[in-house]
Structures are given as structure tokens and as C-alpha cells.
N, C-alpha and C. Protein backbone atom coordinates (compact mmCIF):
# COMPACT_ATOMS: atom_id res chain seq x y z
N MET A 1 142.08 203.22 25.29
CA MET A 1 141.49 202.64 24.11
C MET A 1 140.01 202.30 24.26
N PRO A 2 139.48 202.12 25.46
CA PRO A 2 138.06 201.78 25.55
C PRO A 2 137.16 202.82 24.87
N PHE A 3 137.52 204.10 24.98
CA PHE A 3 136.70 205.14 24.35
C PHE A 3 136.70 204.97 22.84
N VAL A 4 137.89 204.79 22.26
CA VAL A 4 138.00 204.63 20.81
C VAL A 4 137.23 203.39 20.35
N LYS A 5 137.36 202.30 21.08
CA LYS A 5 136.61 201.08 20.74
C LYS A 5 135.11 201.33 20.81
N GLY A 6 134.69 202.11 21.80
CA GLY A 6 133.27 202.45 21.91
C GLY A 6 132.79 203.26 20.73
N VAL A 7 133.60 204.21 20.30
CA VAL A 7 133.24 205.02 19.12
C VAL A 7 133.15 204.12 17.89
N LEU A 8 134.12 203.24 17.71
CA LEU A 8 134.10 202.35 16.55
C LEU A 8 132.89 201.43 16.57
N ASN A 9 132.46 201.02 17.75
CA ASN A 9 131.30 200.12 17.85
C ASN A 9 129.97 200.86 17.70
N ASP A 10 129.90 202.10 18.18
CA ASP A 10 128.61 202.78 18.28
C ASP A 10 128.40 203.94 17.30
N ALA A 11 129.45 204.39 16.65
CA ALA A 11 129.34 205.58 15.79
C ALA A 11 129.35 205.17 14.32
N ALA A 12 128.97 206.12 13.49
CA ALA A 12 129.02 205.90 12.04
C ALA A 12 130.40 206.31 11.54
N TRP A 13 131.05 205.43 10.81
CA TRP A 13 132.37 205.73 10.26
C TRP A 13 132.62 204.83 9.06
N THR A 14 133.59 205.23 8.24
CA THR A 14 133.93 204.43 7.07
C THR A 14 135.39 204.68 6.69
N LEU A 15 135.98 203.71 6.06
CA LEU A 15 137.31 203.87 5.49
C LEU A 15 137.22 204.04 3.97
N GLN A 16 135.99 204.11 3.46
CA GLN A 16 135.76 204.17 2.02
C GLN A 16 135.58 205.60 1.50
N LYS A 17 135.53 206.60 2.38
CA LYS A 17 135.29 207.99 1.97
C LYS A 17 136.49 208.85 2.33
N ARG A 18 136.50 210.07 1.85
CA ARG A 18 137.58 211.00 2.14
C ARG A 18 137.01 212.33 2.60
N SER A 19 137.85 213.15 3.16
CA SER A 19 137.46 214.50 3.54
C SER A 19 137.30 215.34 2.28
N ILE A 20 136.52 216.39 2.39
CA ILE A 20 136.45 217.33 1.27
C ILE A 20 137.75 218.12 1.25
N LEU A 21 138.07 218.69 0.12
CA LEU A 21 139.28 219.51 -0.01
C LEU A 21 138.88 220.89 -0.51
N PRO A 22 139.33 221.95 0.08
CA PRO A 22 140.15 221.97 1.30
C PRO A 22 139.31 221.56 2.50
N SER A 23 139.95 221.11 3.54
CA SER A 23 139.20 220.58 4.69
C SER A 23 139.09 221.60 5.82
N GLY A 24 138.79 222.84 5.49
CA GLY A 24 138.59 223.89 6.50
C GLY A 24 137.22 223.79 7.14
N SER A 25 137.03 224.48 8.24
CA SER A 25 135.78 224.39 9.00
C SER A 25 134.55 224.78 8.20
N ALA A 26 134.55 225.96 7.60
CA ALA A 26 133.36 226.41 6.86
C ALA A 26 133.05 225.44 5.72
N CYS A 27 134.07 225.00 5.02
CA CYS A 27 133.87 224.05 3.91
C CYS A 27 133.23 222.75 4.40
N ASN A 28 133.76 222.22 5.48
CA ASN A 28 133.24 220.95 6.01
C ASN A 28 131.81 221.07 6.51
N TRP A 29 131.53 222.11 7.30
CA TRP A 29 130.17 222.28 7.81
C TRP A 29 129.18 222.51 6.68
N ALA A 30 129.55 223.34 5.70
CA ALA A 30 128.65 223.58 4.57
C ALA A 30 128.41 222.28 3.81
N THR A 31 129.44 221.47 3.64
CA THR A 31 129.29 220.20 2.94
C THR A 31 128.35 219.27 3.70
N MET A 32 128.48 219.20 5.01
CA MET A 32 127.59 218.34 5.80
C MET A 32 126.15 218.84 5.75
N PHE A 33 125.95 220.14 5.85
CA PHE A 33 124.60 220.70 5.86
C PHE A 33 123.94 220.64 4.50
N MET A 34 124.74 220.79 3.41
CA MET A 34 124.18 220.90 2.07
C MET A 34 124.28 219.62 1.26
N GLY A 35 125.13 218.69 1.70
CA GLY A 35 125.23 217.40 1.04
C GLY A 35 125.97 217.40 -0.29
N VAL A 36 126.71 218.45 -0.56
CA VAL A 36 127.53 218.54 -1.78
C VAL A 36 128.88 219.13 -1.41
N GLY A 37 129.84 219.02 -2.31
CA GLY A 37 131.17 219.54 -2.07
C GLY A 37 131.30 221.03 -2.32
N PRO A 38 132.47 221.59 -1.99
CA PRO A 38 132.71 223.03 -2.16
C PRO A 38 132.53 223.51 -3.60
N GLU A 39 132.78 222.63 -4.56
CA GLU A 39 132.62 223.03 -5.96
C GLU A 39 131.17 223.37 -6.29
N ALA A 40 130.22 222.89 -5.49
CA ALA A 40 128.80 223.18 -5.72
C ALA A 40 128.27 224.26 -4.78
N HIS A 41 128.64 224.22 -3.48
CA HIS A 41 128.07 225.19 -2.55
C HIS A 41 128.88 226.47 -2.43
N GLY A 42 130.14 226.48 -2.83
CA GLY A 42 130.91 227.73 -2.91
C GLY A 42 131.68 228.14 -1.66
N PHE A 43 131.56 227.42 -0.56
CA PHE A 43 132.34 227.73 0.64
C PHE A 43 133.67 226.99 0.49
N VAL A 44 134.76 227.72 0.27
CA VAL A 44 136.01 227.07 -0.11
C VAL A 44 137.20 227.40 0.78
N ASP A 45 136.98 228.05 1.89
CA ASP A 45 138.10 228.42 2.74
C ASP A 45 137.75 228.19 4.21
N TRP A 46 138.74 228.22 5.07
CA TRP A 46 138.58 227.97 6.50
C TRP A 46 137.47 228.82 7.11
N ASN A 47 137.50 230.10 6.86
CA ASN A 47 136.58 231.03 7.52
C ASN A 47 135.69 231.76 6.51
N THR A 48 135.29 231.07 5.46
CA THR A 48 134.43 231.67 4.44
C THR A 48 133.09 232.05 5.05
N SER A 49 132.67 233.30 4.87
CA SER A 49 131.39 233.71 5.43
C SER A 49 130.29 233.78 4.37
N SER A 50 130.66 233.59 3.12
CA SER A 50 129.67 233.51 2.04
C SER A 50 130.34 232.77 0.87
N PRO A 51 129.55 232.21 -0.03
CA PRO A 51 130.14 231.50 -1.16
C PRO A 51 131.05 232.44 -1.96
N VAL A 52 132.19 231.94 -2.39
CA VAL A 52 133.13 232.78 -3.13
C VAL A 52 132.89 232.74 -4.64
N PHE A 53 132.00 231.88 -5.09
CA PHE A 53 131.59 231.87 -6.49
C PHE A 53 130.13 231.46 -6.55
N LEU A 54 129.53 231.60 -7.71
CA LEU A 54 128.12 231.25 -7.86
C LEU A 54 127.87 229.79 -7.54
N GLN A 55 126.87 229.54 -6.75
CA GLN A 55 126.51 228.17 -6.40
C GLN A 55 125.84 227.51 -7.59
N THR A 56 125.97 226.19 -7.68
CA THR A 56 125.42 225.47 -8.84
C THR A 56 123.90 225.43 -8.82
N GLU A 57 123.31 225.62 -7.66
CA GLU A 57 121.85 225.57 -7.52
C GLU A 57 121.48 226.45 -6.34
N THR A 58 120.38 227.18 -6.47
CA THR A 58 119.91 227.96 -5.33
C THR A 58 118.40 227.85 -5.24
N MET A 59 117.88 228.14 -4.05
CA MET A 59 116.44 228.16 -3.85
C MET A 59 115.96 229.59 -4.13
N ASN A 60 114.69 229.84 -3.92
CA ASN A 60 114.13 231.17 -4.20
C ASN A 60 114.82 232.29 -3.44
N ASP A 61 115.33 232.01 -2.25
CA ASP A 61 115.97 233.06 -1.45
C ASP A 61 117.46 233.18 -1.70
N GLY A 62 117.98 232.46 -2.69
CA GLY A 62 119.38 232.58 -3.06
C GLY A 62 120.33 231.66 -2.33
N PHE A 63 119.83 230.85 -1.41
CA PHE A 63 120.69 229.92 -0.67
C PHE A 63 120.68 228.55 -1.34
N PHE A 64 121.78 227.84 -1.18
CA PHE A 64 121.86 226.47 -1.69
C PHE A 64 120.94 225.60 -0.84
N PRO A 65 120.21 224.64 -1.44
CA PRO A 65 119.35 223.75 -0.65
C PRO A 65 120.18 223.03 0.42
N ASN A 66 119.61 222.85 1.59
CA ASN A 66 120.33 222.21 2.68
C ASN A 66 119.37 221.40 3.53
N VAL A 67 119.91 220.63 4.45
CA VAL A 67 119.08 219.75 5.28
C VAL A 67 118.05 220.54 6.07
N PHE A 68 118.39 221.75 6.50
CA PHE A 68 117.46 222.54 7.31
C PHE A 68 116.29 223.05 6.47
N SER A 69 116.56 223.49 5.24
CA SER A 69 115.46 223.96 4.38
C SER A 69 114.54 222.81 4.00
N LEU A 70 115.12 221.62 3.82
CA LEU A 70 114.29 220.45 3.51
C LEU A 70 113.38 220.09 4.68
N TYR A 71 113.93 220.12 5.90
CA TYR A 71 113.10 219.88 7.09
C TYR A 71 112.02 220.93 7.22
N ARG A 72 112.35 222.17 6.93
CA ARG A 72 111.38 223.26 7.03
C ARG A 72 110.23 223.02 6.06
N GLU A 73 110.53 222.52 4.86
CA GLU A 73 109.50 222.25 3.87
C GLU A 73 108.55 221.13 4.31
N ILE A 74 109.10 220.06 4.90
CA ILE A 74 108.24 218.92 5.25
C ILE A 74 107.59 219.06 6.61
N ALA A 75 108.09 219.97 7.44
CA ALA A 75 107.51 220.16 8.78
C ALA A 75 107.37 221.65 9.09
N PRO A 76 106.54 222.35 8.31
CA PRO A 76 106.44 223.81 8.50
C PRO A 76 105.87 224.23 9.85
N ASN A 77 105.18 223.35 10.54
CA ASN A 77 104.59 223.70 11.83
C ASN A 77 105.49 223.40 13.01
N TYR A 78 106.69 222.90 12.74
CA TYR A 78 107.64 222.62 13.81
C TYR A 78 108.46 223.87 14.10
N ARG A 79 109.01 223.92 15.29
CA ARG A 79 109.87 225.03 15.68
C ARG A 79 111.32 224.55 15.56
N PHE A 80 112.13 225.26 14.77
CA PHE A 80 113.52 224.89 14.53
C PHE A 80 114.43 225.87 15.26
N VAL A 81 115.30 225.33 16.10
CA VAL A 81 116.22 226.15 16.90
C VAL A 81 117.63 225.70 16.56
N TYR A 82 118.52 226.66 16.31
CA TYR A 82 119.90 226.37 15.90
C TYR A 82 120.85 226.95 16.93
N TYR A 83 121.69 226.09 17.52
CA TYR A 83 122.69 226.51 18.50
C TYR A 83 124.08 226.35 17.89
N TYR A 84 124.95 227.32 18.10
CA TYR A 84 126.31 227.19 17.60
C TYR A 84 127.27 227.98 18.48
N GLN A 85 128.55 227.63 18.37
CA GLN A 85 129.58 228.34 19.14
C GLN A 85 130.48 229.16 18.22
N TRP A 86 131.02 228.55 17.18
CA TRP A 86 131.93 229.25 16.27
C TRP A 86 131.11 230.20 15.40
N SER A 87 131.51 231.46 15.34
CA SER A 87 130.72 232.47 14.64
C SER A 87 130.52 232.15 13.16
N GLY A 88 131.44 231.40 12.56
CA GLY A 88 131.30 231.02 11.16
C GLY A 88 130.10 230.14 10.89
N MET A 89 129.58 229.49 11.93
CA MET A 89 128.43 228.61 11.76
C MET A 89 127.18 229.37 11.35
N LYS A 90 127.08 230.64 11.74
CA LYS A 90 125.90 231.41 11.39
C LYS A 90 125.88 231.75 9.90
N SER A 91 127.05 231.91 9.31
CA SER A 91 127.15 232.32 7.92
C SER A 91 126.80 231.23 6.92
N ILE A 92 126.91 229.98 7.33
CA ILE A 92 126.70 228.90 6.35
C ILE A 92 125.30 228.31 6.39
N VAL A 93 124.43 228.87 7.21
CA VAL A 93 123.03 228.43 7.21
C VAL A 93 122.14 229.61 6.81
N ASN A 94 120.98 229.28 6.30
CA ASN A 94 120.00 230.31 5.97
C ASN A 94 119.20 230.59 7.25
N ASN A 95 119.38 231.77 7.79
CA ASN A 95 118.72 232.12 9.05
C ASN A 95 117.20 232.02 8.96
N LYS A 96 116.65 232.10 7.76
CA LYS A 96 115.20 232.00 7.58
C LYS A 96 114.67 230.59 7.87
N ASP A 97 115.58 229.61 7.91
CA ASP A 97 115.16 228.23 8.17
C ASP A 97 114.88 227.97 9.64
N PHE A 98 115.20 228.93 10.51
CA PHE A 98 115.10 228.71 11.95
C PHE A 98 114.19 229.73 12.62
N ASN A 99 113.47 229.28 13.63
CA ASN A 99 112.66 230.18 14.43
C ASN A 99 113.53 230.94 15.41
N SER A 100 114.62 230.32 15.84
CA SER A 100 115.52 230.94 16.81
C SER A 100 116.95 230.47 16.55
N ILE A 101 117.90 231.38 16.65
CA ILE A 101 119.31 231.06 16.49
C ILE A 101 120.03 231.60 17.71
N LYS A 102 120.84 230.75 18.34
CA LYS A 102 121.52 231.14 19.58
C LYS A 102 123.00 230.80 19.48
N SER A 103 123.84 231.75 19.77
CA SER A 103 125.28 231.48 19.82
C SER A 103 125.76 231.51 21.26
N PHE A 104 126.83 230.77 21.50
CA PHE A 104 127.44 230.71 22.82
C PHE A 104 128.91 231.06 22.69
N SER A 105 129.43 231.88 23.58
CA SER A 105 130.85 232.21 23.57
C SER A 105 131.64 231.07 24.18
N ASP A 106 132.96 231.15 24.06
CA ASP A 106 133.82 230.11 24.63
C ASP A 106 133.60 229.92 26.12
N SER A 107 133.22 230.99 26.81
CA SER A 107 133.01 230.86 28.25
C SER A 107 131.81 229.97 28.58
N TYR A 108 130.99 229.70 27.61
CA TYR A 108 129.83 228.83 27.82
C TYR A 108 130.04 227.47 27.19
N GLU A 109 131.30 227.06 27.05
CA GLU A 109 131.59 225.84 26.32
C GLU A 109 130.85 224.62 26.86
N SER A 110 130.79 224.45 28.15
CA SER A 110 130.12 223.27 28.69
C SER A 110 128.63 223.28 28.36
N GLU A 111 127.99 224.46 28.45
CA GLU A 111 126.57 224.55 28.09
C GLU A 111 126.38 224.30 26.60
N PHE A 112 127.32 224.81 25.80
CA PHE A 112 127.23 224.62 24.36
C PHE A 112 127.23 223.14 23.99
N PHE A 113 128.14 222.38 24.56
CA PHE A 113 128.21 220.97 24.21
C PHE A 113 126.98 220.20 24.65
N LYS A 114 126.27 220.69 25.65
CA LYS A 114 125.01 220.06 26.03
C LYS A 114 123.94 220.32 24.97
N LEU A 115 124.11 221.40 24.21
CA LEU A 115 123.10 221.80 23.23
C LEU A 115 123.56 221.62 21.79
N LEU A 116 124.59 220.85 21.55
CA LEU A 116 125.14 220.71 20.21
C LEU A 116 124.29 219.76 19.37
N TYR A 117 123.14 220.25 18.99
CA TYR A 117 122.26 219.48 18.11
C TYR A 117 121.20 220.43 17.59
N LEU A 118 120.58 220.01 16.53
CA LEU A 118 119.44 220.76 16.00
C LEU A 118 118.22 220.30 16.77
N LYS A 119 117.63 221.21 17.47
CA LYS A 119 116.48 220.85 18.31
C LYS A 119 115.20 221.14 17.52
N VAL A 120 114.43 220.13 17.32
CA VAL A 120 113.16 220.27 16.60
C VAL A 120 112.05 220.00 17.60
N VAL A 121 111.24 221.03 17.84
CA VAL A 121 110.17 220.92 18.81
C VAL A 121 108.84 221.19 18.13
N ASN A 122 107.90 220.31 18.27
CA ASN A 122 106.58 220.51 17.68
C ASN A 122 105.86 221.62 18.44
N ILE A 123 105.37 222.63 17.71
CA ILE A 123 104.64 223.74 18.38
C ILE A 123 103.14 223.60 18.19
């Protein structure tokens, strides 16, 4: 229980919100990155590689606005690097928002978890 207590003390959590429905991987990641539910961003299944219906809003390049495109707009001189393990993660981001995208196979799991964050480096 010490680990769980530590998470409750140090992490962000709430009992006032719910998961998106359906709660598949692509849907959840797209929702976190884009800040809207599946009804707006169009990723509605576990392994959706593209929106299954027209998105409610798109940017000039046809992608739904997301946290990465917003960072790119306010910090165009920064270098954005995206690391992921599950191949579906590449499909739900706009590759144009990143200077470099790197995937890791399951055999690199320990290295992947060391890099599980969006790394923003000033160039």
C-alpha cells in the first residue's frame, strides 16, 4: 500500500470525472492529446489509426488541434521530440508537430519508460 498512498499524495487524480467511452487506447490517447472526446476528434476504437468520421474542427493541415500543435505555435524555435512504444501512438499525432519521432519495440521497454515524455529542447 505505500506505493498507492504515494500516488494518491503526489499524483493528480479525481473521483469527479469519468473515462471516455469507449475507453480504448487510441481513443484515450487522442482525448488526452486533443482535449476533447471521441465525438469531436473521431478516434473511436481500440486501434483506430485515423478518425472514422469528420472531425468537428481541423487546422490547415487537416488535423484536429492538439497540445503539440499549440506548443509548436508558441515555441516555434524549440525542438520537439516524440517517443512512443505502441505503434498506434504515431497515428494519433500530427508528425509535422515534431522535429523527430522515435519508436521503441517491446525489447527496449526499459529504455522506453526512461523516455516516456515529450522532450522539449531549446535549439
